[in-house]
């Protein structure tokens, strides 16, 4: 994603959530690639069907 698209997306969030989101993105290189793939699949499913229950995946 290019910088202008990233900035536009980040602007959709409030200050606190945006800061948390950007911190997590900055730390993604420390996350196992399989976990990122699982997250991508879950986000795709939500994007394609927003009514899908989000409690399928565990975590905190």
C-alpha atoms as a PDB file:
ATOM      1  CA  UNK A   1       0.000   0.000   0.000  1.00  0.00           C
ATOM      2  CA  UNK A   2       1.430   3.393  -0.903  1.00  0.00           C
ATOM      3  CA  UNK A   3       1.939   6.155   1.655  1.00  0.00           C
ATOM      4  CA  UNK A   4      -1.046   8.283   0.607  1.00  0.00           C
ATOM      5  CA  UNK A   5      -3.441   5.321   0.801  1.00  0.00           C
ATOM      6  CA  UNK A   6      -1.996   4.361   4.193  1.00  0.00           C
ATOM      7  CA  UNK A   7      -2.448   7.919   5.470  1.00  0.00           C
ATOM      8  CA  UNK A   8      -6.038   8.026   4.196  1.00  0.00           C
ATOM      9  CA  UNK A   9      -6.799   4.736   5.942  1.00  0.00           C
ATOM     10  CA  UNK A  10      -5.152   5.834   9.193  1.00  0.00           C
ATOM     11  CA  UNK A  11      -7.210   9.035   9.136  1.00  0.00           C
ATOM     12  CA  UNK A  12     -10.381   6.926   9.454  1.00  0.00           C
ATOM     13  CA  UNK A  13      -9.497   6.055  13.057  1.00  0.00           C
ATOM     14  CA  UNK A  14      -9.554   8.146  16.224  1.00  0.00           C
ATOM     15  CA  UNK A  15      -6.274   9.289  17.763  1.00  0.00           C
ATOM     16  CA  UNK A  16      -5.927   6.508  20.339  1.00  0.00           C
ATOM     17  CA  UNK A  17      -6.896   3.686  17.989  1.00  0.00           C
ATOM     18  CA  UNK A  18      -4.755   5.109  15.161  1.00  0.00           C
ATOM     19  CA  UNK A  19      -1.703   5.237  17.446  1.00  0.00           C
ATOM     20  CA  UNK A  20      -2.276   1.633  18.529  1.00  0.00           C
ATOM     21  CA  UNK A  21      -2.779   0.522  14.932  1.00  0.00           C
ATOM     22  CA  UNK A  22       0.378   2.221  13.693  1.00  0.00           C
ATOM     23  CA  UNK A  23       2.419   0.782  16.548  1.00  0.00           C
ATOM     24  CA  UNK A  24       1.177  -2.719  15.776  1.00  0.00           C
ATOM     25  CA  UNK A  25       1.925  -2.313  12.069  1.00  0.00           C
ATOM     26  CA  UNK A  26       5.427  -1.090  12.910  1.00  0.00           C
ATOM     27  CA  UNK A  27       6.008  -4.246  14.966  1.00  0.00           C
ATOM     28  CA  UNK A  28       4.680  -6.701  12.367  1.00  0.00           C
ATOM     29  CA  UNK A  29       8.154  -7.906  11.433  1.00  0.00           C
ATOM     30  CA  UNK A  30       8.274  -9.507  14.897  1.00  0.00           C
ATOM     31  CA  UNK A  31       5.140 -11.573  14.251  1.00  0.00           C
ATOM     32  CA  UNK A  32       5.259 -15.080  12.806  1.00  0.00           C
ATOM     33  CA  UNK A  33       4.236 -15.017   9.145  1.00  0.00           C
ATOM     34  CA  UNK A  34       1.582 -17.697   9.724  1.00  0.00           C
ATOM     35  CA  UNK A  35      -0.184 -15.444  12.243  1.00  0.00           C
ATOM     36  CA  UNK A  36      -0.216 -12.624   9.694  1.00  0.00           C
ATOM     37  CA  UNK A  37      -1.694 -14.967   7.077  1.00  0.00           C
ATOM     38  CA  UNK A  38      -4.434 -16.008   9.539  1.00  0.00           C
ATOM     39  CA  UNK A  39      -5.182 -12.361  10.255  1.00  0.00           C
ATOM     40  CA  UNK A  40      -5.346 -11.553   6.536  1.00  0.00           C
ATOM     41  CA  UNK A  41      -7.822 -14.399   5.983  1.00  0.00           C
ATOM     42  CA  UNK A  42     -10.012 -13.188   8.849  1.00  0.00           C
ATOM     43  CA  UNK A  43      -9.956  -9.600   7.596  1.00  0.00           C
ATOM     44  CA  UNK A  44     -10.807 -10.715   4.051  1.00  0.00           C
ATOM     45  CA  UNK A  45     -13.754 -12.708   5.380  1.00  0.00           C
ATOM     46  CA  UNK A  46     -15.000  -9.701   7.345  1.00  0.00           C
ATOM     47  CA  UNK A  47     -14.544  -7.397   4.353  1.00  0.00           C
ATOM     48  CA  UNK A  48     -16.470  -9.769   2.097  1.00  0.00           C
ATOM     49  CA  UNK A  49     -19.199 -10.478   4.652  1.00  0.00           C
ATOM     50  CA  UNK A  50     -19.315  -7.895   7.471  1.00  0.00           C
ATOM     51  CA  UNK A  51     -22.127  -9.806   9.174  1.00  0.00           C
ATOM     52  CA  UNK A  52     -19.812 -12.773   9.763  1.00  0.00           C
ATOM     53  CA  UNK A  53     -19.289 -13.457  13.442  1.00  0.00           C
ATOM     54  CA  UNK A  54     -15.947 -12.171  14.600  1.00  0.00           C
ATOM     55  CA  UNK A  55     -15.589 -14.540  17.523  1.00  0.00           C
ATOM     56  CA  UNK A  56     -14.253 -17.359  15.331  1.00  0.00           C
ATOM     57  CA  UNK A  57     -10.668 -16.556  16.218  1.00  0.00           C
ATOM     58  CA  UNK A  58      -9.202 -16.609  19.686  1.00  0.00           C
ATOM     59  CA  UNK A  59      -6.781 -14.167  21.233  1.00  0.00           C
ATOM     60  CA  UNK A  60      -6.863 -11.115  23.410  1.00  0.00           C
END
